Amino acid sequence: MSDTPTVTTPVLARGALAPAGPIARPAPLRQAVYDALIEMIINGTLHPGQHLVEAELAERLGVSRQPVREALQRLQAAGWVDLRPAQGAFVHAPTVEECAQLLGVRAVLETYSAQGAARHATPHDVAALWDLQEAGIAALAAGDARAIVEANAALHSHITLLSRNAVLAELIPQVDQRVRWYYMPIAKPRGKDAWSEHALIIEAIAAGDPERAEALMRRHTQSTTDFYCKQIAAAAGLSG
């Protein structure tokens, strides 16, 4: 089989949560395969611990095995995949420690974002936040985990944008993919509390209260971290 994609389904854009399927240009094929596999891991199409078979992935994506093999090696280096001698490739299963470290870093960045947004947001900006909040509530009501994650990412991203802080805007996307990956399994059970917390944060931003916005975002991100870490600890049989 050649390395030319066989189906015209567009390459998944960064941040999209639709199920991955056959990929197509304009992205270079190697990068497109890499990006598609990450999205499949994030949205749960490929789940933690799952054995990744090159031939099956190549057929699914409509490419040869070579770009899949190269992508798996890159994914292993980036921490998305574990390559085990004589066994093959497996989707990485995040540990409690990894969860705490990544979400802890995210919490620091997000609290600064909320503080900055409260200082700079205009009424128009706040209206946009409420629109994103409504999208999240609708996704929650529909029980659509992927849509909930997408809406959650969009809301947090917009708060970062409103902070008018170029450094934050550069740093947060570096952890965004893993945050979405971690959030997917808890999107529905955590959803009601999370979106109620979002509303309080938006109210603080609208009121121009940086200290309250920062405190609420800190509490929100800590609650998400605790919820996720307890879930994976329980799944690993580490809880009492």
C-alpha atoms as a PDB file:
ATOM      1  CA  MET A   1       0.000   0.000   0.000  1.00  0.00           C
ATOM      2  CA  SER A   2       1.383   3.474  -0.838  1.00  0.00           C
ATOM      3  CA  ASP A   3       1.658   6.332   1.630  1.00  0.00           C
ATOM      4  CA  THR A   4      -1.004   8.320  -0.223  1.00  0.00           C
ATOM      5  CA  PRO A   5      -4.227   8.717   1.803  1.00  0.00           C
ATOM      6  CA  THR A   6      -7.132   6.957   0.176  1.00  0.00           C
ATOM      7  CA  VAL A   7     -10.094   8.874   1.582  1.00  0.00           C
ATOM      8  CA  THR A   8     -10.897  12.580   1.487  1.00  0.00           C
ATOM      9  CA  THR A   9     -11.857  12.918   5.153  1.00  0.00           C
ATOM     10  CA  PRO A  10     -10.022  16.068   6.351  1.00  0.00           C
ATOM     11  CA  VAL A  11      -7.182  15.853   8.839  1.00  0.00           C
ATOM     12  CA  LEU A  12      -8.407  16.498  12.365  1.00  0.00           C
ATOM     13  CA  ALA A  13      -7.599  20.043  13.412  1.00  0.00           C
ATOM     14  CA  ARG A  14      -5.795  20.630  16.685  1.00  0.00           C
ATOM     15  CA  GLY A  15      -8.370  20.649  19.473  1.00  0.00           C
ATOM     16  CA  ALA A  16     -11.014  18.749  17.483  1.00  0.00           C
ATOM     17  CA  LEU A  17     -12.564  15.809  19.279  1.00  0.00           C
ATOM     18  CA  ALA A  18     -14.337  13.992  16.468  1.00  0.00           C
ATOM     19  CA  PRO A  19     -13.423  10.303  16.077  1.00  0.00           C
ATOM     20  CA  ALA A  20     -10.352   9.882  13.889  1.00  0.00           C
ATOM     21  CA  GLY A  21     -10.788   8.265  10.489  1.00  0.00           C
ATOM     22  CA  PRO A  22      -8.849   8.063   7.221  1.00  0.00           C
ATOM     23  CA  ILE A  23      -6.631  11.105   6.903  1.00  0.00           C
ATOM     24  CA  ALA A  24      -5.731  13.341   3.981  1.00  0.00           C
ATOM     25  CA  ARG A  25      -3.413  16.155   2.996  1.00  0.00           C
ATOM     26  CA  PRO A  26      -2.560  19.124   3.124  1.00  0.00           C
ATOM     27  CA  ALA A  27      -0.567  18.178   6.256  1.00  0.00           C
ATOM     28  CA  PRO A  28       2.601  16.111   5.573  1.00  0.00           C
ATOM     29  CA  LEU A  29       1.659  12.471   5.892  1.00  0.00           C
ATOM     30  CA  ARG A  30       3.977  11.636   8.789  1.00  0.00           C
ATOM     31  CA  GLN A  31       2.697  14.583  10.805  1.00  0.00           C
ATOM     32  CA  ALA A  32      -0.911  13.823   9.858  1.00  0.00           C
ATOM     33  CA  VAL A  33      -0.605  10.246  11.116  1.00  0.00           C
ATOM     34  CA  TYR A  34       1.040  11.437  14.328  1.00  0.00           C
ATOM     35  CA  ASP A  35      -1.645  14.061  14.951  1.00  0.00           C
ATOM     36  CA  ALA A  36      -4.478  11.660  14.139  1.00  0.00           C
ATOM     37  CA  LEU A  37      -3.190   9.036  16.565  1.00  0.00           C
ATOM     38  CA  ILE A  38      -2.912  11.632  19.333  1.00  0.00           C
ATOM     39  CA  GLU A  39      -6.515  12.679  18.758  1.00  0.00           C
ATOM     40  CA  MET A  40      -7.620   9.042  18.811  1.00  0.00           C
ATOM     41  CA  ILE A  41      -5.911   8.653  22.187  1.00  0.00           C
ATOM     42  CA  ILE A  42      -7.377  11.899  23.533  1.00  0.00           C
ATOM     43  CA  ASN A  43     -10.951  11.127  22.523  1.00  0.00           C
ATOM     44  CA  GLY A  44     -10.825   7.554  23.784  1.00  0.00           C
ATOM     45  CA  THR A  45     -10.935   5.791  20.437  1.00  0.00           C
ATOM     46  CA  LEU A  46      -7.632   4.299  21.580  1.00  0.00           C
ATOM     47  CA  HIS A  47      -7.815   3.729  25.318  1.00  0.00           C
ATOM     48  CA  PRO A  48      -5.065   3.472  27.976  1.00  0.00           C
ATOM     49  CA  GLY A  49      -3.349   0.101  27.922  1.00  0.00           C
ATOM     50  CA  GLN A  50      -4.656  -0.807  24.467  1.00  0.00           C
ATOM     51  CA  HIS A  51      -2.302  -2.766  22.231  1.00  0.00           C
ATOM     52  CA  LEU A  52      -1.550  -0.812  19.074  1.00  0.00           C
ATOM     53  CA  VAL A  53      -1.121  -2.976  15.995  1.00  0.00           C
ATOM     54  CA  GLU A  54       0.633  -1.223  13.121  1.00  0.00           C
ATOM     55  CA  ALA A  55      -1.256  -3.041  10.386  1.00  0.00           C
ATOM     56  CA  GLU A  56      -4.646  -2.261  11.934  1.00  0.00           C
ATOM     57  CA  LEU A  57      -3.829   1.408  12.427  1.00  0.00           C
ATOM     58  CA  ALA A  58      -2.447   1.683   8.894  1.00  0.00           C
ATOM     59  CA  GLU A  59      -5.622   0.206   7.444  1.00  0.00           C
ATOM     60  CA  ARG A  60      -7.799   2.473   9.533  1.00  0.00           C
ATOM     61  CA  LEU A  61      -5.923   5.594   8.476  1.00  0.00           C
ATOM     62  CA  GLY A  62      -5.525   4.530   4.847  1.00  0.00           C
ATOM     63  CA  VAL A  63      -1.719   4.611   4.823  1.00  0.00           C
ATOM     64  CA  SER A  64       1.172   2.153   4.783  1.00  0.00           C
ATOM     65  CA  ARG A  65       2.725   0.805   7.965  1.00  0.00           C
ATOM     66  CA  GLN A  66       5.886   2.942   7.692  1.00  0.00           C
ATOM     67  CA  PRO A  67       4.379   6.303   8.751  1.00  0.00           C
ATOM     68  CA  VAL A  68       2.465   4.513  11.508  1.00  0.00           C
ATOM     69  CA  ARG A  69       5.676   2.926  12.787  1.00  0.00           C
ATOM     70  CA  GLU A  70       7.417   6.307  12.746  1.00  0.00           C
ATOM     71  CA  ALA A  71       4.468   7.933  14.515  1.00  0.00           C
ATOM     72  CA  LEU A  72       4.478   5.301  17.260  1.00  0.00           C
ATOM     73  CA  GLN A  73       8.155   5.956  17.910  1.00  0.00           C
ATOM     74  CA  ARG A  74       7.470   9.700  18.194  1.00  0.00           C
ATOM     75  CA  LEU A  75       4.471   9.039  20.430  1.00  0.00           C
ATOM     76  CA  GLN A  76       6.622   6.923  22.711  1.00  0.00           C
ATOM     77  CA  ALA A  77       9.161   9.744  23.013  1.00  0.00           C
ATOM     78  CA  ALA A  78       6.348  12.190  23.805  1.00  0.00           C
ATOM     79  CA  GLY A  79       4.816   9.937  26.459  1.00  0.00           C
ATOM     80  CA  TRP A  80       1.617   8.956  24.653  1.00  0.00           C
ATOM     81  CA  VAL A  81       2.659   5.366  23.910  1.00  0.00           C
ATOM     82  CA  ASP A  82       4.738   2.705  25.654  1.00  0.00           C
ATOM     83  CA  LEU A  83       6.941   0.484  23.487  1.00  0.00           C
ATOM     84  CA  ARG A  84       7.571  -2.836  25.231  1.00  0.00           C
ATOM     85  CA  PRO A  85      10.301  -5.207  24.026  1.00  0.00           C
ATOM     86  CA  ALA A  86       8.903  -8.301  22.290  1.00  0.00           C
ATOM     87  CA  GLN A  87       5.333  -7.081  22.952  1.00  0.00           C
ATOM     88  CA  GLY A  88       4.810  -4.005  20.823  1.00  0.00           C
ATOM     89  CA  ALA A  89       3.186  -0.629  21.374  1.00  0.00           C
ATOM     90  CA  PHE A  90       0.525   0.187  23.953  1.00  0.00           C
ATOM     91  CA  VAL A  91      -1.353   3.376  24.766  1.00  0.00           C
ATOM     92  CA  HIS A  92       0.223   4.885  27.855  1.00  0.00           C
ATOM     93  CA  ALA A  93      -1.841   4.731  31.051  1.00  0.00           C
ATOM     94  CA  PRO A  94      -1.306   7.963  33.032  1.00  0.00           C
ATOM     95  CA  THR A  95      -0.276   7.534  36.652  1.00  0.00           C
ATOM     96  CA  VAL A  96      -1.533   9.474  39.661  1.00  0.00           C
ATOM     97  CA  GLU A  97       1.836  11.223  39.887  1.00  0.00           C
ATOM     98  CA  GLU A  98       1.715  12.277  36.241  1.00  0.00           C
ATOM     99  CA  CYS A  99      -1.805  13.553  36.739  1.00  0.00           C
ATOM    100  CA  ALA A 100      -0.854  15.615  39.761  1.00  0.00           C
ATOM    101  CA  GLN A 101       2.197  17.097  38.063  1.00  0.00           C
ATOM    102  CA  LEU A 102       0.548  18.080  34.792  1.00  0.00           C
ATOM    103  CA  LEU A 103      -2.709  19.350  36.248  1.00  0.00           C
ATOM    104  CA  GLY A 104      -0.760  21.180  38.939  1.00  0.00           C
ATOM    105  CA  VAL A 105       1.150  23.085  36.279  1.00  0.00           C
ATOM    106  CA  ARG A 106      -2.060  23.737  34.422  1.00  0.00           C
ATOM    107  CA  ALA A 107      -3.642  25.112  37.610  1.00  0.00           C
ATOM    108  CA  VAL A 108      -0.863  27.676  38.033  1.00  0.00           C
ATOM    109  CA  LEU A 109      -1.222  28.867  34.445  1.00  0.00           C
ATOM    110  CA  GLU A 110      -5.009  28.944  34.531  1.00  0.00           C
ATOM    111  CA  THR A 111      -5.173  30.986  37.734  1.00  0.00           C
ATOM    112  CA  TYR A 112      -3.006  33.673  36.154  1.00  0.00           C
ATOM    113  CA  SER A 113      -5.235  33.564  33.090  1.00  0.00           C
ATOM    114  CA  ALA A 114      -8.369  34.137  35.158  1.00  0.00           C
ATOM    115  CA  GLN A 115      -6.745  36.993  37.021  1.00  0.00           C
ATOM    116  CA  GLY A 116      -5.675  38.666  33.786  1.00  0.00           C
ATOM    117  CA  ALA A 117      -9.064  38.130  32.179  1.00  0.00           C
ATOM    118  CA  ALA A 118     -10.764  39.872  35.100  1.00  0.00           C
ATOM    119  CA  ARG A 119      -8.470  42.854  34.594  1.00  0.00           C
ATOM    120  CA  HIS A 120      -8.943  43.172  30.844  1.00  0.00           C
ATOM    121  CA  ALA A 121     -12.262  41.626  29.748  1.00  0.00           C
ATOM    122  CA  THR A 122     -14.799  43.917  28.095  1.00  0.00           C
ATOM    123  CA  PRO A 123     -18.582  43.370  28.217  1.00  0.00           C
ATOM    124  CA  HIS A 124     -18.299  41.874  24.725  1.00  0.00           C
ATOM    125  CA  ASP A 125     -15.627  39.450  25.976  1.00  0.00           C
ATOM    126  CA  VAL A 126     -17.826  38.412  28.889  1.00  0.00           C
ATOM    127  CA  ALA A 127     -20.762  37.824  26.542  1.00  0.00           C
ATOM    128  CA  ALA A 128     -18.550  35.478  24.527  1.00  0.00           C
ATOM    129  CA  LEU A 129     -17.687  33.575  27.706  1.00  0.00           C
ATOM    130  CA  TRP A 130     -21.372  33.127  28.515  1.00  0.00           C
ATOM    131  CA  ASP A 131     -21.943  31.797  24.973  1.00  0.00           C
ATOM    132  CA  LEU A 132     -19.204  29.228  25.541  1.00  0.00           C
ATOM    133  CA  GLN A 133     -20.734  28.390  28.915  1.00  0.00           C
ATOM    134  CA  GLU A 134     -24.096  27.744  27.254  1.00  0.00           C
ATOM    135  CA  ALA A 135     -22.434  25.432  24.726  1.00  0.00           C
ATOM    136  CA  GLY A 136     -20.917  23.447  27.586  1.00  0.00           C
ATOM    137  CA  ILE A 137     -24.233  23.189  29.415  1.00  0.00           C
ATOM    138  CA  ALA A 138     -25.894  21.969  26.225  1.00  0.00           C
ATOM    139  CA  ALA A 139     -23.203  19.328  25.722  1.00  0.00           C
ATOM    140  CA  LEU A 140     -23.609  18.229  29.326  1.00  0.00           C
ATOM    141  CA  ALA A 141     -27.385  17.956  28.930  1.00  0.00           C
ATOM    142  CA  ALA A 142     -26.859  15.842  25.815  1.00  0.00           C
ATOM    143  CA  GLY A 143     -24.450  13.553  27.665  1.00  0.00           C
ATOM    144  CA  ASP A 144     -21.856  14.034  24.910  1.00  0.00           C
ATOM    145  CA  ALA A 145     -18.434  13.616  26.530  1.00  0.00           C
ATOM    146  CA  ARG A 146     -16.492  14.711  23.472  1.00  0.00           C
ATOM    147  CA  ALA A 147     -18.570  17.848  23.087  1.00  0.00           C
ATOM    148  CA  ILE A 148     -18.180  18.582  26.819  1.00  0.00           C
ATOM    149  CA  VAL A 149     -14.397  18.320  26.532  1.00  0.00           C
ATOM    150  CA  GLU A 150     -14.378  20.498  23.428  1.00  0.00           C
ATOM    151  CA  ALA A 151     -16.530  23.141  25.124  1.00  0.00           C
ATOM    152  CA  ASN A 152     -14.399  23.013  28.274  1.00  0.00           C
ATOM    153  CA  ALA A 153     -11.214  23.510  26.267  1.00  0.00           C
ATOM    154  CA  ALA A 154     -12.787  26.383  24.328  1.00  0.00           C
ATOM    155  CA  LEU A 155     -13.882  28.181  27.483  1.00  0.00           C
ATOM    156  CA  HIS A 156     -10.524  27.871  29.200  1.00  0.00           C
ATOM    157  CA  SER A 157      -8.741  28.874  26.007  1.00  0.00           C
ATOM    158  CA  HIS A 158     -10.858  32.000  25.702  1.00  0.00           C
ATOM    159  CA  ILE A 159     -10.139  32.982  29.296  1.00  0.00           C
ATOM    160  CA  THR A 160      -6.439  32.712  28.469  1.00  0.00           C
ATOM    161  CA  LEU A 161      -6.958  34.881  25.400  1.00  0.00           C
ATOM    162  CA  LEU A 162      -8.716  37.516  27.502  1.00  0.00           C
ATOM    163  CA  SER A 163      -5.774  37.660  29.901  1.00  0.00           C
ATOM    164  CA  ARG A 164      -3.853  39.512  27.171  1.00  0.00           C
ATOM    165  CA  ASN A 165      -0.750  37.632  28.315  1.00  0.00           C
ATOM    166  CA  ALA A 166       1.374  36.401  25.406  1.00  0.00           C
ATOM    167  CA  VAL A 167       3.511  34.131  27.609  1.00  0.00           C
ATOM    168  CA  LEU A 168       0.459  32.331  28.976  1.00  0.00           C
ATOM    169  CA  ALA A 169      -0.951  32.027  25.475  1.00  0.00           C
ATOM    170  CA  GLU A 170       2.270  30.278  24.459  1.00  0.00           C
ATOM    171  CA  LEU A 171       2.616  28.009  27.485  1.00  0.00           C
ATOM    172  CA  ILE A 172      -0.924  26.726  28.044  1.00  0.00           C
ATOM    173  CA  PRO A 173      -1.294  25.003  24.637  1.00  0.00           C
ATOM    174  CA  GLN A 174       1.733  22.889  25.562  1.00  0.00           C
ATOM    175  CA  VAL A 175      -0.339  21.121  28.227  1.00  0.00           C
ATOM    176  CA  ASP A 176      -3.731  21.463  26.535  1.00  0.00           C
ATOM    177  CA  GLN A 177      -3.711  18.125  24.716  1.00  0.00           C
ATOM    178  CA  ARG A 178      -2.974  16.142  27.841  1.00  0.00           C
ATOM    179  CA  VAL A 179      -5.506  18.100  29.840  1.00  0.00           C
ATOM    180  CA  ARG A 180      -8.159  17.140  27.272  1.00  0.00           C
ATOM    181  CA  TRP A 181      -6.978  13.524  27.426  1.00  0.00           C
ATOM    182  CA  TYR A 182      -7.220  13.454  31.206  1.00  0.00           C
ATOM    183  CA  TYR A 183     -10.571  15.238  31.195  1.00  0.00           C
ATOM    184  CA  MET A 184     -12.328  12.906  28.739  1.00  0.00           C
ATOM    185  CA  PRO A 185     -13.146  10.082  31.211  1.00  0.00           C
ATOM    186  CA  ILE A 186     -14.411  12.501  33.867  1.00  0.00           C
ATOM    187  CA  ALA A 187     -16.233  14.934  31.570  1.00  0.00           C
ATOM    188  CA  LYS A 188     -19.683  13.616  32.428  1.00  0.00           C
ATOM    189  CA  PRO A 189     -19.341  12.686  36.124  1.00  0.00           C
ATOM    190  CA  ARG A 190     -17.486  15.928  36.897  1.00  0.00           C
ATOM    191  CA  GLY A 191     -19.531  17.985  34.450  1.00  0.00           C
ATOM    192  CA  LYS A 192     -22.296  19.444  36.616  1.00  0.00           C
ATOM    193  CA  ASP A 193     -19.922  20.740  39.281  1.00  0.00           C
ATOM    194  CA  ALA A 194     -17.348  21.896  36.726  1.00  0.00           C
ATOM    195  CA  TRP A 195     -19.794  24.006  34.750  1.00  0.00           C
ATOM    196  CA  SER A 196     -21.267  25.503  37.910  1.00  0.00           C
ATOM    197  CA  GLU A 197     -17.728  26.509  38.864  1.00  0.00           C
ATOM    198  CA  HIS A 198     -17.216  27.991  35.396  1.00  0.00           C
ATOM    199  CA  ALA A 199     -20.249  30.220  35.916  1.00  0.00           C
ATOM    200  CA  LEU A 200     -18.790  31.620  39.136  1.00  0.00           C
ATOM    201  CA  ILE A 201     -15.474  32.309  37.403  1.00  0.00           C
ATOM    202  CA  ILE A 202     -17.221  34.143  34.563  1.00  0.00           C
ATOM    203  CA  GLU A 203     -19.154  36.232  37.097  1.00  0.00           C
ATOM    204  CA  ALA A 204     -15.893  37.234  38.792  1.00  0.00           C
ATOM    205  CA  ILE A 205     -14.341  38.138  35.444  1.00  0.00           C
ATOM    206  CA  ALA A 206     -17.435  40.160  34.539  1.00  0.00           C
ATOM    207  CA  ALA A 207     -17.207  41.997  37.862  1.00  0.00           C
ATOM    208  CA  GLY A 208     -13.570  42.885  37.199  1.00  0.00           C
ATOM    209  CA  ASP A 209     -12.462  41.116  40.377  1.00  0.00           C
ATOM    210  CA  PRO A 210      -9.002  39.597  39.696  1.00  0.00           C
ATOM    211  CA  GLU A 211      -8.510  38.190  43.190  1.00  0.00           C
ATOM    212  CA  ARG A 212     -11.845  36.376  43.230  1.00  0.00           C
ATOM    213  CA  ALA A 213     -11.406  35.104  39.669  1.00  0.00           C
ATOM    214  CA  GLU A 214      -7.968  33.763  40.567  1.00  0.00           C
ATOM    215  CA  ALA A 215      -9.215  32.079  43.749  1.00  0.00           C
ATOM    216  CA  LEU A 216     -12.190  30.495  41.994  1.00  0.00           C
ATOM    217  CA  MET A 217     -10.030  29.208  39.146  1.00  0.00           C
ATOM    218  CA  ARG A 218      -7.539  27.766  41.628  1.00  0.00           C
ATOM    219  CA  ARG A 219     -10.352  25.957  43.436  1.00  0.00           C
ATOM    220  CA  HIS A 220     -11.819  24.773  40.127  1.00  0.00           C
ATOM    221  CA  THR A 221      -8.571  23.345  38.767  1.00  0.00           C
ATOM    222  CA  GLN A 222      -7.754  21.709  42.110  1.00  0.00           C
ATOM    223  CA  SER A 223     -11.172  20.050  42.205  1.00  0.00           C
ATOM    224  CA  THR A 224     -10.646  18.688  38.711  1.00  0.00           C
ATOM    225  CA  THR A 225      -7.183  17.428  39.640  1.00  0.00           C
ATOM    226  CA  ASP A 226      -8.448  15.718  42.783  1.00  0.00           C
ATOM    227  CA  PHE A 227     -11.391  14.139  40.958  1.00  0.00           C
ATOM    228  CA  TYR A 228      -9.225  12.727  38.182  1.00  0.00           C
ATOM    229  CA  CYS A 229      -6.448  11.469  40.429  1.00  0.00           C
ATOM    230  CA  LYS A 230      -8.918   9.711  42.713  1.00  0.00           C
ATOM    231  CA  GLN A 231     -10.522   8.051  39.708  1.00  0.00           C
ATOM    232  CA  ILE A 232      -7.320   6.649  38.286  1.00  0.00           C
ATOM    233  CA  ALA A 233      -6.124   5.645  41.750  1.00  0.00           C
ATOM    234  CA  ALA A 234      -9.356   3.703  42.233  1.00  0.00           C
ATOM    235  CA  ALA A 235      -9.001   2.105  38.813  1.00  0.00           C
ATOM    236  CA  ALA A 236      -5.494   0.987  39.745  1.00  0.00           C
ATOM    237  CA  GLY A 237      -6.713  -0.404  43.060  1.00  0.00           C
ATOM    238  CA  LEU A 238      -4.822   2.199  45.069  1.00  0.00           C
ATOM    239  CA  SER A 239      -7.739   3.684  46.961  1.00  0.00           C
ATOM    240  CA  GLY A 240      -9.023   2.494  50.314  1.00  0.00           C
END
